[in-house]
Amino acid sequence: TRRFGGTGLGLAISSRLVDMMGGRLELQSQLDQGSRFHFTITIEAGADATAAPAQAMHRPIGQALRVLLVDDHAAALALLQRQAQSLGWSVGIAANARQALEMVSEASARGNPWQVVLMDWQLPDMDGWQACQRIRAMGGPARTTLVLTGTDWAREQLAQRSQQEEALFNGFLVKPLIASMLRDGVLQARTDNLLLASGGPALQARAQRLQGMQVLVAEDNITNQQVVRELLEAEGAQVRIVADGAAAVQAVEHQDGAAIDVLLLDLQMPVMDGFTATSLIRTRLAQTTLPIIAMTANAMASDREACLAAGMNDHVGKPFDLDHLVRVLQRHVRRGALALQEPQAESGPGGLAPAIRLAADAAGVDIAGALRRLGGRRDIYLRLVRNLMTELQAAPGQLHQASEQADPRAATMLLHGLRGPVTSLGALPLAEVLAAAQAQLEPDSDRAAMQRAINPALAAISDIQVGLSELARALDSDPPVPAGPAAPRMDDGELRRTLELLVRQLRDSDMAATDTIANLRRRRDPADHMQLRGLDAAMDTLDFDAALRLSESWLEGLCA
C-alpha cells in the first residue's frame, strides 16, 4: 500500500559515509517545492590517479555504435545515456515511441541508420513491442538491432507471444542495468540475434560454455559457495572454493600443476578482504595477467572503479546472474584450449505451476527474477529456500543474544550474512528490512538501541518463515522436467553398488557424496523421489549422520 519511497536506507548510508569523511549531510526542504540534500568534504587528490582503469572497463564494442535510447522516465533515460556514452557509443535519445519512430525514419533517409535501438517496454503512447513492429514495417536495414528493456514481468508477458512475434526484436535486458550488462546484452543481441526463450524464466541449454575453465572462487558465505559452484560446474568449469582472501593468495601461489584461469573474489571476507588479496597477488606474487573478477552486492560505478584501481579486471554483482557471469568469464579467459560457446535457445521447464507462483507471491518472493539469474535451475533454487529456512530459524536467537550482550558488531555481521541468501532467493522486502536494521546499528549502540534496530528484522523474519515453508512444499511437489535426453535408468544392481559407495562416503564425511547423490537423482525413477528428497535435505545442512541413516535404510530395503 506504500505509494512513495523506500526504507530510507540510502539516506542513512549516505549520512554515515559523509560523516566518516569529516562532513555533514544537510537538508533544505520547502513544502510543495521539494528537498535538497548537500554536503562538503575535504579530500586529497589521488596520487597519479589516472583514468586508464575505468576507461579500460568501458572499452567500446569494436566500434562507436550508433545507439538510440527510448524511455519516458527522464532520470532513467539520463542514466542510460551516461552508461552508453561511457562505452564509447554515439547516442540519441527519445522520450516516447512516436519520437523514436521519427528519429529512426530520418536516420534511414539520411543513409546513416541507427545500429541499435534500445526501447523501454512501457511507453506512454504505445508499448515497446508495437514500436518494434512499426520499425520493422518501415522496411529499414535488417541489420538494425532492436532490444527491449523492462522488468521480469514484462519479460514474462513477451514470452507469451508467438515465436514469429518475438522475432521482431533481437534481445531483452532486465532492469536495472549497469554498464557492463548493457554492453554484454547489446553485444549478444548484435552478434547472435538473441531470441527470448519461451516460458518465463526459461532455462538456456547447457551448452558447456565454460568447458575446461579452471576457476578459483574466494567466498566465505556457504550458500553463495554452493550456488556459484553448481552454476559454473553445470557450464563445464572446474571449480575450487576457498573461504577467505588469504587462502586465495596461497592457492594462487601454490597452484599444484593445475593452472588457474580466473579468480572470482568476494570483497568482504574474514581473515583477508578481496582488495588486500588482489594487492598481494599483483605485487608479492607478480601475477599481473591472472584475471581477477570482483564479486560484490554493490553495482555503482564508483565501486567498480575502486575494484579496477586495486588491480582487478572486472566486477560482477550479487545475487549472481548466470548469463552475465558466463559472459564476463568468457571475455577475460581466452585460452586456445577453451572452446567458448554462446548459449543456444531451448524451451526450458516451462511456466511455473500456479501453486508455486501463489506460494512465492504470498511469501513476498520474486521467484521469476531469482530463477532467471540462476539460469532456470529450480534444483538450486529449492536448495536456497531450504538453506535459508534453516538460517532464519536460528537467526532470532542469535540476534537476541547479540542484543543482550550489547554486541552491535555481531548483530551487524548476522544481518549482513542473511542479506546475501535472502536477496539471491528474491525476498527483496525482507532484504530491505535487514539492510535498514544493519544501517541503524552503530558501533556504540547499547542494548535498547540495538533492540529498536533489530525488532523490525525479527518481525519480518517471523512473517516469512511460514511462506517459505509453503514455497518449498510447492516446489518439491512439482519437480521440473529435466532438459535434454534422459540419462539411462540405473538398474537395481547398479543402484545397490551406488548406494554402497554413498554409505562409505558418508561414513568418511566425504563431500564427494553430493556427486553420488546427483548421479542417483539423474538416473532413478520418480518413485525414488522421497528418498532423494530426504538425502538432499540432509546434505543441504551437511548432516552426514542423517544422510547416512537414510542411505543405509534405502540399501537395506533394496537387499531385503
Protein backbone atom coordinates (compact mmCIF):
# COMPACT_ATOMS: atom_id res chain seq x y z
CA THR A 1 0.00 0.00 0.00
CA ARG A 2 3.00 2.31 0.25
CA ARG A 3 2.96 4.85 -2.61
CA PHE A 4 6.24 6.68 -2.13
CA GLY A 5 9.77 5.98 -1.03
CA GLY A 6 11.58 3.00 0.35
CA THR A 7 13.08 2.22 3.74
CA GLY A 8 15.29 5.33 3.94
CA LEU A 9 18.34 3.09 3.72
CA GLY A 10 20.00 5.18 1.01
CA LEU A 11 19.79 8.31 3.14
CA ALA A 12 21.14 6.51 6.21
CA ILE A 13 24.09 5.11 4.25
CA SER A 14 24.83 8.48 2.65
CA SER A 15 24.80 10.22 6.02
CA ARG A 16 27.22 7.71 7.54
CA LEU A 17 29.58 7.87 4.54
CA VAL A 18 29.70 11.67 4.65
CA ASP A 19 30.23 11.61 8.42
CA MET A 20 33.13 9.15 8.05
CA MET A 21 34.80 11.58 5.63
CA GLY A 22 34.54 14.50 8.03
CA GLY A 23 31.46 16.14 6.58
CA ARG A 24 27.82 16.53 7.46
CA LEU A 25 24.81 15.73 5.28
CA GLU A 26 22.38 18.66 5.40
CA LEU A 27 18.82 19.13 4.21
CA GLN A 28 16.98 22.10 2.76
CA SER A 29 13.27 21.40 2.30
CA GLN A 30 10.31 23.56 1.34
CA LEU A 31 6.69 22.46 1.31
CA ASP A 32 5.39 21.81 -2.22
CA GLN A 33 8.80 22.73 -3.66
CA GLY A 34 10.98 19.75 -2.85
CA SER A 35 14.09 18.83 -0.87
CA ARG A 36 17.81 19.32 -1.44
CA PHE A 37 20.48 17.28 0.30
CA HIS A 38 24.06 18.56 0.21
CA PHE A 39 27.43 18.18 1.92
CA THR A 40 31.02 19.45 1.73
CA ILE A 41 34.11 17.35 2.38
CA THR A 42 37.84 17.98 2.03
CA ILE A 43 39.81 15.24 0.29
CA GLU A 44 43.23 14.91 -1.27
CA ALA A 45 43.65 14.22 -4.97
CA GLY A 46 44.82 10.68 -5.62
CA ALA A 47 48.49 10.36 -6.44
CA ASP A 48 48.71 9.96 -10.22
CA ALA A 49 45.14 8.65 -10.29
CA THR A 50 44.78 8.13 -14.00
CA ALA A 51 41.50 7.22 -15.61
CA ALA A 52 43.02 4.33 -17.51
CA PRO A 53 41.45 1.51 -15.47
CA ALA A 54 37.96 2.97 -15.75
CA GLN A 55 38.46 3.61 -19.44
CA ALA A 56 39.59 0.04 -19.92
CA MET A 57 36.43 -1.10 -18.20
CA HIS A 58 34.29 0.79 -20.69
CA ARG A 59 36.01 -0.07 -23.96
CA PRO A 60 33.67 0.26 -26.93
CA ILE A 61 32.43 -2.87 -28.65
CA GLY A 62 34.80 -2.80 -31.59
CA GLN A 63 33.41 0.47 -32.88
CA ALA A 64 31.46 3.58 -31.89
CA LEU A 65 27.97 2.16 -32.26
CA ARG A 66 25.09 4.47 -33.14
CA VAL A 67 22.52 3.71 -30.45
CA LEU A 68 19.04 5.21 -29.98
CA LEU A 69 17.73 5.03 -26.39
CA VAL A 70 13.97 5.25 -25.80
CA ASP A 71 12.50 5.71 -22.30
CA ASP A 72 9.79 8.02 -20.94
CA HIS A 73 11.39 8.17 -17.47
CA ALA A 74 13.73 11.16 -17.63
CA ALA A 75 16.08 10.07 -14.83
CA ALA A 76 16.35 6.51 -16.15
CA LEU A 77 16.99 7.81 -19.67
CA ALA A 78 19.71 10.17 -18.46
CA LEU A 79 21.44 7.37 -16.53
CA LEU A 80 21.22 5.02 -19.51
CA GLN A 81 22.62 7.74 -21.77
CA ARG A 82 25.64 8.24 -19.49
CA GLN A 83 26.28 4.49 -19.37
CA ALA A 84 26.07 4.15 -23.16
CA GLN A 85 28.35 7.14 -23.74
CA SER A 86 30.89 5.71 -21.29
CA LEU A 87 31.10 2.70 -23.62
CA GLY A 88 32.13 4.96 -26.49
CA TRP A 89 28.79 4.83 -28.29
CA SER A 90 27.19 7.65 -30.29
CA VAL A 91 23.87 8.10 -28.51
CA GLY A 92 20.50 9.59 -29.40
CA ILE A 93 17.55 9.78 -27.01
CA ALA A 94 13.76 9.76 -27.37
CA ALA A 95 11.13 10.18 -24.66
CA ASN A 96 8.34 8.22 -26.37
CA ALA A 97 7.71 5.77 -29.18
CA ARG A 98 6.49 8.30 -31.76
CA GLN A 99 9.61 10.44 -31.34
CA ALA A 100 11.73 7.30 -31.70
CA LEU A 101 9.92 6.28 -34.90
CA GLU A 102 10.55 9.73 -36.39
CA MET A 103 14.26 9.56 -35.49
CA VAL A 104 14.58 6.07 -36.99
CA SER A 105 12.87 7.21 -40.20
CA GLU A 106 15.02 10.35 -40.50
CA ALA A 107 18.27 8.46 -39.88
CA SER A 108 17.39 5.83 -42.51
CA ALA A 109 16.51 8.55 -45.03
CA ARG A 110 19.95 10.13 -44.49
CA GLY A 111 21.61 6.78 -45.16
CA ASN A 112 23.02 6.65 -41.62
CA PRO A 113 20.60 4.39 -39.71
CA TRP A 114 20.74 3.63 -36.02
CA GLN A 115 22.62 0.38 -35.48
CA VAL A 116 20.88 -0.36 -32.19
CA VAL A 117 17.52 0.81 -30.82
CA LEU A 118 17.15 0.17 -27.08
CA MET A 119 13.45 0.54 -26.28
CA ASP A 120 11.64 0.54 -22.93
CA TRP A 121 8.76 -1.93 -22.81
CA GLN A 122 6.31 0.51 -21.18
CA LEU A 123 5.92 3.80 -23.07
CA PRO A 124 3.03 6.29 -22.80
CA ASP A 125 1.90 6.18 -26.45
CA MET A 126 2.49 2.50 -27.33
CA ASP A 127 4.36 -0.43 -25.84
CA GLY A 128 7.86 -1.35 -26.94
CA TRP A 129 6.75 -4.39 -28.91
CA GLN A 130 4.35 -2.30 -31.02
CA ALA A 131 7.12 0.23 -31.64
CA CYS A 132 9.48 -2.55 -32.77
CA GLN A 133 6.74 -3.83 -35.07
CA ARG A 134 6.45 -0.41 -36.71
CA ILE A 135 10.22 -0.06 -37.09
CA ARG A 136 10.37 -3.42 -38.88
CA ALA A 137 7.39 -2.39 -41.02
CA MET A 138 9.33 0.65 -42.25
CA GLY A 139 11.47 -1.73 -44.25
CA GLY A 140 14.69 -0.24 -42.93
CA PRO A 141 18.02 -2.04 -42.75
CA ALA A 142 17.61 -5.57 -41.44
CA ARG A 143 20.87 -5.15 -39.56
CA THR A 144 19.29 -2.71 -37.08
CA THR A 145 19.32 -4.42 -33.69
CA LEU A 146 16.16 -3.93 -31.61
CA VAL A 147 16.50 -4.55 -27.87
CA LEU A 148 13.67 -4.16 -25.35
CA THR A 149 14.21 -3.28 -21.68
CA GLY A 150 11.88 -3.79 -18.75
CA THR A 151 11.05 -5.82 -15.66
CA ASP A 152 10.79 -9.58 -15.26
CA TRP A 153 7.01 -9.15 -15.50
CA ALA A 154 7.43 -7.58 -18.95
CA ARG A 155 9.71 -10.45 -19.93
CA GLU A 156 7.02 -12.95 -18.95
CA GLN A 157 4.40 -11.04 -20.94
CA LEU A 158 6.61 -11.09 -24.02
CA ALA A 159 7.28 -14.80 -23.57
CA GLN A 160 3.57 -15.44 -24.10
CA ARG A 161 3.79 -14.16 -27.69
CA SER A 162 4.42 -16.46 -30.62
CA GLN A 163 7.93 -17.21 -31.84
CA GLN A 164 7.19 -15.22 -35.01
CA GLU A 165 6.19 -12.19 -32.93
CA GLU A 166 9.29 -12.49 -30.76
CA ALA A 167 11.43 -12.47 -33.90
CA LEU A 168 10.64 -8.75 -34.31
CA PHE A 169 13.32 -7.89 -31.77
CA ASN A 170 16.76 -9.29 -31.00
CA GLY A 171 17.07 -9.20 -27.24
CA PHE A 172 15.62 -8.25 -23.88
CA LEU A 173 17.51 -6.67 -20.96
CA VAL A 174 16.05 -6.76 -17.46
CA LYS A 175 16.23 -3.54 -15.46
CA PRO A 176 18.04 -2.19 -13.54
CA LEU A 177 21.09 -2.15 -15.81
CA ILE A 178 24.74 -1.42 -15.15
CA ALA A 179 27.19 -0.52 -17.91
CA SER A 180 28.72 -3.97 -18.30
CA MET A 181 25.29 -5.63 -18.54
CA LEU A 182 24.29 -3.06 -21.16
CA ARG A 183 27.46 -3.71 -23.13
CA ASP A 184 27.18 -7.50 -22.92
CA GLY A 185 23.47 -7.53 -23.74
CA VAL A 186 23.86 -5.36 -26.82
CA LEU A 187 26.89 -7.38 -27.97
CA GLN A 188 24.98 -10.64 -27.63
CA ALA A 189 21.94 -9.23 -29.41
CA ARG A 190 24.05 -7.93 -32.31
CA THR A 191 26.20 -11.00 -32.80
CA ASP A 192 23.82 -13.84 -32.02
CA ASN A 193 20.38 -12.46 -32.92
CA LEU A 194 19.22 -13.50 -29.48
CA LEU A 195 15.60 -14.59 -29.18
CA LEU A 196 13.75 -14.79 -25.91
CA ALA A 197 13.28 -18.29 -24.60
CA SER A 198 9.63 -19.15 -24.10
CA GLY A 199 8.07 -19.96 -20.77
CA GLY A 200 9.11 -17.11 -18.48
CA PRO A 201 12.42 -17.59 -16.69
CA ALA A 202 13.45 -20.23 -19.18
CA LEU A 203 16.49 -22.37 -18.82
CA GLN A 204 19.07 -21.95 -21.56
CA ALA A 205 20.66 -25.04 -23.00
CA ARG A 206 23.51 -26.42 -21.01
CA ALA A 207 25.98 -25.63 -23.77
CA GLN A 208 29.03 -26.13 -21.51
CA ARG A 209 30.07 -22.56 -22.25
CA LEU A 210 32.96 -22.73 -19.75
CA GLN A 211 34.22 -26.20 -20.71
CA GLY A 212 37.71 -26.75 -19.30
CA MET A 213 37.95 -23.40 -17.50
CA GLN A 214 39.79 -23.58 -14.15
CA VAL A 215 38.03 -21.20 -11.74
CA LEU A 216 39.20 -20.34 -8.23
CA VAL A 217 36.40 -18.85 -6.09
CA ALA A 218 37.11 -16.97 -2.86
CA GLU A 219 33.82 -16.65 -0.96
CA ASP A 220 33.06 -17.03 2.76
CA ASN A 221 29.28 -17.47 2.55
CA ILE A 222 28.41 -21.18 2.35
CA THR A 223 25.20 -20.62 0.39
CA ASN A 224 27.00 -18.47 -2.18
CA GLN A 225 29.72 -21.13 -2.41
CA GLN A 226 27.12 -23.78 -3.27
CA VAL A 227 25.36 -21.58 -5.82
CA VAL A 228 28.45 -20.46 -7.71
CA ARG A 229 29.91 -23.99 -7.72
CA GLU A 230 26.77 -25.60 -9.16
CA LEU A 231 26.21 -22.85 -11.74
CA LEU A 232 29.78 -22.91 -13.03
CA GLU A 233 30.20 -26.69 -12.96
CA ALA A 234 26.97 -27.04 -14.95
CA GLU A 235 28.68 -24.89 -17.61
CA GLY A 236 31.71 -27.21 -17.70
CA ALA A 237 34.10 -25.28 -15.43
CA GLN A 238 36.41 -26.90 -12.88
CA VAL A 239 35.76 -25.03 -9.62
CA ARG A 240 37.85 -24.77 -6.47
CA ILE A 241 36.46 -22.94 -3.42
CA VAL A 242 38.38 -21.13 -0.68
CA ALA A 243 36.81 -19.20 2.20
CA ASP A 244 38.95 -16.06 2.51
CA GLY A 245 41.46 -13.82 0.77
CA ALA A 246 44.50 -15.33 2.46
CA ALA A 247 43.55 -18.80 1.22
CA ALA A 248 43.09 -17.35 -2.27
CA VAL A 249 46.60 -15.88 -2.22
CA GLN A 250 48.00 -19.21 -1.05
CA ALA A 251 46.09 -21.10 -3.76
CA VAL A 252 47.45 -18.80 -6.47
CA GLU A 253 50.98 -19.13 -5.10
CA HIS A 254 50.81 -22.94 -4.96
CA GLN A 255 48.76 -23.99 -7.98
CA ASP A 256 49.82 -27.64 -7.79
CA GLY A 257 50.18 -28.03 -11.55
CA ALA A 258 46.55 -27.04 -12.25
CA ALA A 259 46.81 -23.57 -13.72
CA ILE A 260 44.12 -21.16 -12.52
CA ASP A 261 42.42 -19.40 -15.44
CA VAL A 262 40.47 -16.86 -13.40
CA LEU A 263 39.88 -15.83 -9.78
CA LEU A 264 36.37 -14.88 -8.62
CA LEU A 265 36.93 -12.85 -5.47
CA ASP A 266 34.45 -11.64 -2.87
CA LEU A 267 35.40 -8.25 -1.45
CA GLN A 268 34.18 -8.67 2.14
CA MET A 269 35.70 -11.75 3.76
CA PRO A 270 37.20 -12.64 7.13
CA VAL A 271 40.97 -13.02 7.64
CA MET A 272 41.77 -11.04 4.46
CA ASP A 273 39.48 -8.98 2.22
CA GLY A 274 39.44 -9.00 -1.57
CA PHE A 275 41.33 -5.74 -2.01
CA THR A 276 44.26 -6.89 0.13
CA ALA A 277 44.34 -10.28 -1.58
CA THR A 278 44.44 -8.65 -5.02
CA SER A 279 47.27 -6.35 -3.97
CA LEU A 280 49.36 -9.30 -2.73
CA ILE A 281 48.67 -11.35 -5.87
CA ARG A 282 49.66 -8.47 -8.14
CA THR A 283 52.74 -7.32 -6.19
CA ARG A 284 54.22 -10.05 -3.98
CA LEU A 285 53.35 -12.89 -6.37
CA ALA A 286 53.86 -10.75 -9.50
CA GLN A 287 50.74 -12.34 -11.03
CA THR A 288 49.86 -9.49 -13.37
CA THR A 289 48.00 -11.43 -16.07
CA LEU A 290 45.69 -13.59 -13.93
CA PRO A 291 42.12 -12.28 -14.44
CA ILE A 292 40.62 -11.29 -11.09
CA ILE A 293 36.86 -10.67 -11.05
CA ALA A 294 35.33 -8.96 -8.02
CA MET A 295 32.05 -10.22 -6.58
CA THR A 296 30.02 -7.73 -4.56
CA ALA A 297 26.48 -6.59 -3.93
CA ASN A 298 27.44 -3.06 -4.99
CA ALA A 299 26.98 -2.21 -8.67
CA MET A 300 27.71 1.53 -8.65
CA ALA A 301 30.35 2.93 -10.98
CA SER A 302 32.46 4.14 -8.06
CA ASP A 303 32.61 0.63 -6.60
CA ARG A 304 33.66 -0.83 -9.92
CA GLU A 305 36.34 1.82 -10.39
CA ALA A 306 37.66 1.04 -6.90
CA CYS A 307 37.96 -2.62 -7.93
CA LEU A 308 39.82 -1.67 -11.10
CA ALA A 309 42.13 0.71 -9.27
CA ALA A 310 43.01 -2.13 -6.89
CA GLY A 311 44.15 -4.27 -9.82
CA MET A 312 41.03 -6.30 -10.54
CA ASN A 313 39.87 -6.81 -14.12
CA ASP A 314 36.10 -6.70 -13.81
CA HIS A 315 33.13 -6.82 -11.49
CA VAL A 316 30.00 -8.98 -11.18
CA GLY A 317 27.11 -8.28 -8.86
CA LYS A 318 25.33 -10.40 -6.31
CA PRO A 319 22.95 -12.13 -6.48
CA PHE A 320 24.61 -13.96 -9.35
CA ASP A 321 23.14 -13.67 -12.84
CA LEU A 322 24.33 -16.81 -14.64
CA ASP A 323 24.42 -15.49 -18.21
CA HIS A 324 26.14 -12.24 -17.21
CA LEU A 325 28.68 -14.15 -15.11
CA VAL A 326 29.42 -16.52 -18.02
CA ARG A 327 29.92 -13.63 -20.45
CA VAL A 328 32.32 -11.87 -18.08
CA LEU A 329 34.37 -15.04 -17.61
CA GLN A 330 34.44 -15.70 -21.35
CA ARG A 331 35.61 -12.16 -22.02
CA HIS A 332 38.61 -12.45 -19.71
CA VAL A 333 39.67 -16.07 -20.30
CA ARG A 334 40.87 -16.66 -23.85
CA ARG A 335 42.86 -19.89 -23.75
CA GLY A 336 43.22 -21.78 -27.00
CA ALA A 337 42.15 -24.99 -25.29
CA LEU A 338 38.94 -23.39 -24.12
CA ALA A 339 36.13 -23.62 -26.66
CA LEU A 340 33.95 -20.59 -25.97
CA GLN A 341 30.34 -21.22 -26.86
CA GLU A 342 27.31 -18.99 -26.90
CA PRO A 343 24.10 -20.23 -25.31
CA GLN A 344 21.52 -21.83 -27.54
CA ALA A 345 17.83 -21.24 -27.20
CA GLU A 346 15.98 -24.05 -25.53
CA SER A 347 12.50 -24.41 -24.28
CA GLY A 348 13.13 -24.70 -20.58
CA PRO A 349 10.99 -26.19 -17.86
CA GLY A 350 8.06 -24.07 -18.99
CA GLY A 351 5.91 -21.82 -16.84
CA LEU A 352 5.81 -22.32 -13.11
CA ALA A 353 2.83 -24.16 -11.69
CA PRO A 354 0.10 -21.90 -10.23
CA ALA A 355 0.71 -23.35 -6.75
CA ILE A 356 4.37 -22.29 -6.91
CA ARG A 357 3.52 -18.78 -8.10
CA LEU A 358 0.87 -18.35 -5.41
CA ALA A 359 3.24 -19.55 -2.69
CA ALA A 360 6.00 -17.22 -3.91
CA ASP A 361 3.64 -14.23 -4.05
CA ALA A 362 2.34 -14.97 -0.55
CA ALA A 363 5.90 -15.11 0.78
CA GLY A 364 6.86 -11.86 -0.96
CA VAL A 365 9.39 -13.60 -3.18
CA ASP A 366 10.31 -12.66 -6.78
CA ILE A 367 10.79 -16.24 -7.93
CA ALA A 368 10.85 -15.33 -11.65
CA GLY A 369 13.78 -12.95 -11.21
CA ALA A 370 15.68 -15.37 -8.98
CA LEU A 371 15.26 -18.26 -11.42
CA ARG A 372 16.34 -16.07 -14.33
CA ARG A 373 19.57 -15.24 -12.51
CA LEU A 374 20.10 -18.94 -11.77
CA GLY A 375 19.60 -19.93 -15.40
CA GLY A 376 16.32 -21.65 -14.55
CA ARG A 377 17.94 -24.11 -12.10
CA ARG A 378 14.99 -24.89 -9.84
CA ASP A 379 17.01 -27.55 -8.02
CA ILE A 380 19.48 -24.90 -6.89
CA TYR A 381 16.65 -22.54 -6.02
CA LEU A 382 14.92 -25.14 -3.83
CA ARG A 383 18.22 -25.73 -2.07
CA LEU A 384 18.48 -21.97 -1.44
CA VAL A 385 14.99 -21.98 0.07
CA ARG A 386 15.80 -24.85 2.41
CA ASN A 387 19.13 -23.37 3.47
CA LEU A 388 17.54 -20.01 4.17
CA MET A 389 14.77 -21.61 6.23
CA THR A 390 17.44 -23.19 8.43
CA GLU A 391 19.33 -19.90 8.79
CA LEU A 392 16.18 -17.92 9.59
CA GLN A 393 15.16 -20.39 12.30
CA ALA A 394 18.45 -19.75 14.10
CA ALA A 395 18.65 -16.00 13.41
CA PRO A 396 16.23 -14.65 16.10
CA GLY A 397 18.08 -16.40 18.90
CA GLN A 398 21.44 -15.20 17.59
CA LEU A 399 20.20 -11.61 17.25
CA HIS A 400 18.68 -11.64 20.75
CA GLN A 401 21.97 -12.95 22.15
CA ALA A 402 23.92 -10.19 20.40
CA SER A 403 21.49 -7.62 21.79
CA GLU A 404 21.70 -8.99 25.35
CA GLN A 405 25.50 -8.83 25.14
CA ALA A 406 25.36 -5.30 23.66
CA ASP A 407 27.43 -6.54 20.71
CA PRO A 408 26.39 -4.47 17.65
CA ARG A 409 29.25 -5.87 15.59
CA ALA A 410 27.95 -9.43 15.97
CA ALA A 411 24.42 -8.30 15.07
CA THR A 412 25.71 -6.42 12.03
CA MET A 413 27.59 -9.49 10.81
CA LEU A 414 24.50 -11.67 11.29
CA LEU A 415 22.27 -9.28 9.34
CA HIS A 416 24.86 -8.90 6.59
CA GLY A 417 25.23 -12.67 6.33
CA LEU A 418 21.48 -13.12 5.95
CA ARG A 419 21.08 -10.45 3.27
CA GLY A 420 23.05 -12.41 0.66
CA PRO A 421 20.91 -15.57 0.57
CA VAL A 422 17.72 -13.55 1.12
CA THR A 423 18.48 -11.43 -1.96
CA SER A 424 19.50 -14.47 -4.01
CA LEU A 425 16.15 -16.04 -3.17
CA GLY A 426 14.30 -12.94 -4.41
CA ALA A 427 12.86 -12.00 -0.99
CA LEU A 428 13.54 -8.31 -1.62
CA PRO A 429 11.15 -6.85 1.02
CA LEU A 430 12.93 -8.87 3.72
CA ALA A 431 16.32 -7.83 2.31
CA GLU A 432 15.30 -4.16 2.63
CA VAL A 433 14.28 -4.63 6.26
CA LEU A 434 17.55 -6.40 7.09
CA ALA A 435 19.56 -3.67 5.38
CA ALA A 436 17.69 -0.94 7.26
CA ALA A 437 18.33 -2.70 10.58
CA GLN A 438 22.01 -3.07 9.75
CA ALA A 439 22.28 0.63 8.86
CA GLN A 440 20.77 1.66 12.21
CA LEU A 441 23.33 -0.26 14.26
CA GLU A 442 26.20 1.93 15.43
CA PRO A 443 29.49 0.71 16.93
CA ASP A 444 28.45 2.19 20.29
CA SER A 445 24.78 1.09 20.23
CA ASP A 446 23.55 -0.02 23.66
CA ARG A 447 21.05 -2.79 24.33
CA ALA A 448 17.99 -0.56 23.96
CA ALA A 449 19.20 0.95 20.68
CA MET A 450 20.09 -2.47 19.33
CA GLN A 451 16.69 -3.88 20.22
CA ARG A 452 14.95 -0.97 18.47
CA ALA A 453 17.08 -1.59 15.38
CA ILE A 454 16.55 -5.34 15.16
CA ASN A 455 12.86 -5.54 16.15
CA PRO A 456 11.58 -4.89 12.59
CA ALA A 457 14.01 -7.51 11.28
CA LEU A 458 12.79 -10.06 13.83
CA ALA A 459 9.18 -9.40 12.85
CA ALA A 460 9.94 -9.71 9.13
CA ILE A 461 11.87 -12.95 9.69
CA SER A 462 8.94 -14.38 11.64
CA ASP A 463 6.45 -13.32 8.94
CA ILE A 464 8.26 -15.01 6.05
CA GLN A 465 9.02 -18.39 7.58
CA VAL A 466 5.59 -19.94 7.00
CA GLY A 467 5.58 -18.58 3.45
CA LEU A 468 8.98 -20.12 2.70
CA SER A 469 7.81 -23.46 4.07
CA GLU A 470 4.81 -23.38 1.72
CA LEU A 471 7.04 -22.37 -1.20
CA ALA A 472 9.43 -25.26 -0.53
CA ARG A 473 6.49 -27.67 -0.35
CA ALA A 474 5.09 -26.38 -3.66
CA LEU A 475 8.45 -26.64 -5.40
CA ASP A 476 9.06 -30.10 -4.01
CA SER A 477 5.68 -31.39 -5.17
CA ASP A 478 6.25 -30.21 -8.76
CA PRO A 479 9.83 -31.14 -9.72
CA PRO A 480 10.99 -29.73 -13.09
CA VAL A 481 11.27 -31.96 -16.12
CA PRO A 482 14.98 -32.32 -16.97
CA ALA A 483 16.02 -30.69 -20.23
CA GLY A 484 17.60 -32.75 -22.98
CA PRO A 485 17.75 -36.53 -23.37
CA ALA A 486 17.20 -38.51 -20.20
CA ALA A 487 20.14 -40.32 -18.66
CA PRO A 488 19.93 -44.12 -18.88
CA ARG A 489 17.99 -45.58 -15.97
CA MET A 490 20.03 -47.16 -13.20
CA ASP A 491 19.08 -50.83 -12.69
CA ASP A 492 18.79 -52.37 -9.23
CA GLY A 493 22.29 -53.86 -9.34
CA GLU A 494 23.91 -50.55 -10.19
CA LEU A 495 21.69 -48.83 -7.62
CA ARG A 496 22.94 -51.20 -4.89
CA ARG A 497 26.60 -50.55 -5.83
CA THR A 498 25.98 -46.80 -5.92
CA LEU A 499 24.31 -46.83 -2.50
CA GLU A 500 27.20 -48.86 -1.06
CA LEU A 501 29.60 -46.22 -2.38
CA LEU A 502 27.42 -43.48 -0.91
CA VAL A 503 27.38 -45.15 2.52
CA ARG A 504 31.21 -45.33 2.53
CA GLN A 505 31.47 -41.68 1.53
CA LEU A 506 29.03 -40.53 4.20
CA ARG A 507 30.82 -42.52 6.92
CA ASP A 508 34.01 -40.65 5.95
CA SER A 509 32.17 -37.28 5.72
CA ASP A 510 33.38 -37.14 2.13
CA MET A 511 31.84 -34.27 0.11
CA ALA A 512 32.03 -36.49 -2.99
CA ALA A 513 28.75 -37.87 -1.64
CA THR A 514 26.99 -34.88 -3.20
CA ASP A 515 28.13 -36.02 -6.66
CA THR A 516 26.93 -39.55 -5.96
CA ILE A 517 23.52 -38.23 -4.89
CA ALA A 518 23.35 -36.10 -8.04
CA ASN A 519 24.03 -39.23 -10.10
CA LEU A 520 21.21 -41.02 -8.30
CA ARG A 521 18.87 -38.12 -8.96
CA ARG A 522 19.59 -38.15 -12.69
CA ARG A 523 19.20 -41.88 -13.21
CA ARG A 524 16.44 -43.14 -10.92
CA ASP A 525 12.68 -43.36 -11.34
CA PRO A 526 10.33 -40.70 -9.97
CA ALA A 527 9.25 -43.39 -7.47
CA ASP A 528 12.51 -42.75 -5.61
CA HIS A 529 11.67 -39.08 -5.18
CA MET A 530 11.03 -39.30 -1.42
CA GLN A 531 14.38 -40.95 -0.65
CA LEU A 532 16.26 -38.42 -2.76
CA ARG A 533 14.41 -35.51 -1.20
CA GLY A 534 15.47 -36.68 2.26
CA LEU A 535 19.10 -37.03 1.14
CA ASP A 536 19.03 -33.55 -0.40
CA ALA A 537 17.61 -32.04 2.79
CA ALA A 538 20.27 -33.71 4.92
CA MET A 539 23.17 -32.71 2.67
CA ASP A 540 21.90 -29.14 2.36
CA THR A 541 22.83 -28.75 6.05
CA LEU A 542 25.83 -31.12 5.79
CA ASP A 543 24.13 -33.54 8.18
CA PHE A 544 26.19 -36.61 7.21
CA ASP A 545 24.72 -38.73 10.01
CA ALA A 546 21.13 -38.19 8.84
CA ALA A 547 22.12 -38.81 5.22
CA LEU A 548 23.94 -41.99 6.29
CA ARG A 549 20.86 -43.32 8.11
CA LEU A 550 18.67 -42.65 5.06
CA SER A 551 21.16 -44.31 2.69
CA GLU A 552 21.53 -47.39 4.88
CA SER A 553 17.75 -47.71 5.17
CA TRP A 554 17.36 -47.43 1.39
CA LEU A 555 20.09 -50.04 0.86
CA GLU A 556 18.56 -52.45 3.41
CA GLY A 557 15.16 -52.16 1.72
CA LEU A 558 16.75 -52.94 -1.63
CA CYS A 559 18.54 -56.03 -0.31
CA ALA A 560 15.51 -57.38 1.59
